[in-house]
């Protein structure tokens, strides 16, 4: 049985975003692939340790508009792309800068 728990604020935890198991956070942080989770309102919800390094994200970026994140500023139609991924429950891969 999986256990859900509140995780301390770090690596993009947004207050009120809901609990994420410590195991899930550990798995995401163990990956060398930068992962940024964008919420339905197109704000940054969470990100892993690799994203902090690759994209220069900090905990203060949590809750900010995806459009305000440096690596996403030049992405054409970023909100529309995020909406499509949310609708399709898929993944949007970004080319490396």
C-alpha atoms as a PDB file:
ATOM      1  CA  UNK A   1       0.000   0.000   0.000  1.00  0.00           C
ATOM      2  CA  UNK A   2       1.392   3.401  -0.965  1.00  0.00           C
ATOM      3  CA  UNK A   3       1.590   6.035   1.712  1.00  0.00           C
ATOM      4  CA  UNK A   4       1.094   9.726   1.002  1.00  0.00           C
ATOM      5  CA  UNK A   5       2.858  12.302   3.110  1.00  0.00           C
ATOM      6  CA  UNK A   6       3.554  15.989   3.079  1.00  0.00           C
ATOM      7  CA  UNK A   7       6.994  16.792   1.755  1.00  0.00           C
ATOM      8  CA  UNK A   8       8.970  19.784   3.031  1.00  0.00           C
ATOM      9  CA  UNK A   9       9.131  22.786   0.737  1.00  0.00           C
ATOM     10  CA  UNK A  10      11.970  22.185  -1.697  1.00  0.00           C
ATOM     11  CA  UNK A  11      12.566  21.640  -5.376  1.00  0.00           C
ATOM     12  CA  UNK A  12       9.425  23.431  -6.400  1.00  0.00           C
ATOM     13  CA  UNK A  13       6.820  22.462  -3.840  1.00  0.00           C
ATOM     14  CA  UNK A  14       3.927  24.899  -3.978  1.00  0.00           C
ATOM     15  CA  UNK A  15       1.881  25.424  -0.833  1.00  0.00           C
ATOM     16  CA  UNK A  16      -1.513  23.860  -1.404  1.00  0.00           C
ATOM     17  CA  UNK A  17      -0.297  21.744  -4.323  1.00  0.00           C
ATOM     18  CA  UNK A  18      -1.139  18.602  -2.371  1.00  0.00           C
ATOM     19  CA  UNK A  19       1.036  15.954  -0.848  1.00  0.00           C
ATOM     20  CA  UNK A  20       3.581  14.042  -2.870  1.00  0.00           C
ATOM     21  CA  UNK A  21       5.083  10.944  -1.380  1.00  0.00           C
ATOM     22  CA  UNK A  22       8.673  11.163  -0.237  1.00  0.00           C
ATOM     23  CA  UNK A  23       9.373   8.142  -2.441  1.00  0.00           C
ATOM     24  CA  UNK A  24       8.125   9.996  -5.536  1.00  0.00           C
ATOM     25  CA  UNK A  25      10.251  13.033  -4.710  1.00  0.00           C
ATOM     26  CA  UNK A  26      13.297  10.808  -4.207  1.00  0.00           C
ATOM     27  CA  UNK A  27      12.727   9.062  -7.533  1.00  0.00           C
ATOM     28  CA  UNK A  28      12.305  12.339  -9.428  1.00  0.00           C
ATOM     29  CA  UNK A  29      15.402  13.806  -7.792  1.00  0.00           C
ATOM     30  CA  UNK A  30      17.444  10.702  -8.634  1.00  0.00           C
ATOM     31  CA  UNK A  31      16.827  11.201 -12.356  1.00  0.00           C
ATOM     32  CA  UNK A  32      19.366  13.148 -14.385  1.00  0.00           C
ATOM     33  CA  UNK A  33      16.549  14.274 -16.684  1.00  0.00           C
ATOM     34  CA  UNK A  34      15.198  17.749 -15.819  1.00  0.00           C
ATOM     35  CA  UNK A  35      11.480  17.520 -15.077  1.00  0.00           C
ATOM     36  CA  UNK A  36       9.196  20.532 -14.644  1.00  0.00           C
ATOM     37  CA  UNK A  37       5.551  19.958 -13.751  1.00  0.00           C
ATOM     38  CA  UNK A  38       3.228  22.721 -14.904  1.00  0.00           C
ATOM     39  CA  UNK A  39      -0.137  23.083 -13.198  1.00  0.00           C
ATOM     40  CA  UNK A  40      -3.458  23.606 -14.969  1.00  0.00           C
ATOM     41  CA  UNK A  41      -3.169  27.359 -14.438  1.00  0.00           C
ATOM     42  CA  UNK A  42       0.205  27.279 -16.274  1.00  0.00           C
ATOM     43  CA  UNK A  43       2.237  27.975 -13.166  1.00  0.00           C
ATOM     44  CA  UNK A  44       5.243  25.940 -12.123  1.00  0.00           C
ATOM     45  CA  UNK A  45       4.038  23.294  -9.678  1.00  0.00           C
ATOM     46  CA  UNK A  46       7.118  21.191  -9.000  1.00  0.00           C
ATOM     47  CA  UNK A  47      10.502  20.410 -10.470  1.00  0.00           C
ATOM     48  CA  UNK A  48      13.285  18.000  -9.722  1.00  0.00           C
ATOM     49  CA  UNK A  49      16.894  18.574  -8.725  1.00  0.00           C
ATOM     50  CA  UNK A  50      18.115  18.157 -12.341  1.00  0.00           C
ATOM     51  CA  UNK A  51      15.811  21.014 -13.402  1.00  0.00           C
ATOM     52  CA  UNK A  52      17.370  23.313 -10.809  1.00  0.00           C
ATOM     53  CA  UNK A  53      20.753  22.702 -12.403  1.00  0.00           C
ATOM     54  CA  UNK A  54      19.730  22.638 -16.077  1.00  0.00           C
ATOM     55  CA  UNK A  55      17.290  25.544 -16.003  1.00  0.00           C
ATOM     56  CA  UNK A  56      18.535  27.552 -13.035  1.00  0.00           C
ATOM     57  CA  UNK A  57      15.257  27.102 -11.162  1.00  0.00           C
ATOM     58  CA  UNK A  58      14.991  27.966  -7.483  1.00  0.00           C
ATOM     59  CA  UNK A  59      12.226  27.384  -4.933  1.00  0.00           C
ATOM     60  CA  UNK A  60      11.091  30.988  -5.566  1.00  0.00           C
ATOM     61  CA  UNK A  61      10.147  29.945  -9.130  1.00  0.00           C
ATOM     62  CA  UNK A  62       7.366  27.758  -7.738  1.00  0.00           C
ATOM     63  CA  UNK A  63       3.991  29.266  -8.471  1.00  0.00           C
ATOM     64  CA  UNK A  64       5.361  31.581 -11.153  1.00  0.00           C
ATOM     65  CA  UNK A  65       3.907  31.578 -14.633  1.00  0.00           C
ATOM     66  CA  UNK A  66       5.607  29.143 -16.982  1.00  0.00           C
ATOM     67  CA  UNK A  67       6.082  32.106 -19.318  1.00  0.00           C
ATOM     68  CA  UNK A  68       8.282  33.807 -16.668  1.00  0.00           C
ATOM     69  CA  UNK A  69      10.772  30.933 -16.527  1.00  0.00           C
ATOM     70  CA  UNK A  70      13.859  31.777 -18.565  1.00  0.00           C
ATOM     71  CA  UNK A  71      14.080  28.528 -20.515  1.00  0.00           C
ATOM     72  CA  UNK A  72      10.416  28.804 -21.544  1.00  0.00           C
ATOM     73  CA  UNK A  73      10.298  32.481 -22.515  1.00  0.00           C
ATOM     74  CA  UNK A  74      11.133  31.788 -26.152  1.00  0.00           C
ATOM     75  CA  UNK A  75       8.820  28.788 -26.543  1.00  0.00           C
ATOM     76  CA  UNK A  76       6.090  29.686 -29.010  1.00  0.00           C
ATOM     77  CA  UNK A  77       2.594  29.002 -27.630  1.00  0.00           C
ATOM     78  CA  UNK A  78       3.874  27.600 -24.331  1.00  0.00           C
ATOM     79  CA  UNK A  79       0.449  27.840 -22.677  1.00  0.00           C
ATOM     80  CA  UNK A  80      -1.256  26.075 -25.588  1.00  0.00           C
ATOM     81  CA  UNK A  81       1.391  23.334 -25.571  1.00  0.00           C
ATOM     82  CA  UNK A  82       0.995  22.826 -21.832  1.00  0.00           C
ATOM     83  CA  UNK A  83      -2.804  22.719 -22.193  1.00  0.00           C
ATOM     84  CA  UNK A  84      -2.487  20.040 -24.872  1.00  0.00           C
ATOM     85  CA  UNK A  85      -0.197  17.928 -22.686  1.00  0.00           C
ATOM     86  CA  UNK A  86      -2.605  18.268 -19.743  1.00  0.00           C
ATOM     87  CA  UNK A  87      -5.560  17.324 -21.952  1.00  0.00           C
ATOM     88  CA  UNK A  88      -3.751  14.344 -23.477  1.00  0.00           C
ATOM     89  CA  UNK A  89      -2.096  13.386 -20.159  1.00  0.00           C
ATOM     90  CA  UNK A  90       1.171  13.258 -22.031  1.00  0.00           C
ATOM     91  CA  UNK A  91       4.627  14.699 -21.941  1.00  0.00           C
ATOM     92  CA  UNK A  92       6.113  17.654 -23.799  1.00  0.00           C
ATOM     93  CA  UNK A  93       9.781  17.211 -24.520  1.00  0.00           C
ATOM     94  CA  UNK A  94      11.798  20.368 -24.977  1.00  0.00           C
ATOM     95  CA  UNK A  95      14.926  20.457 -27.141  1.00  0.00           C
ATOM     96  CA  UNK A  96      18.133  21.157 -25.279  1.00  0.00           C
ATOM     97  CA  UNK A  97      19.228  24.812 -25.449  1.00  0.00           C
END
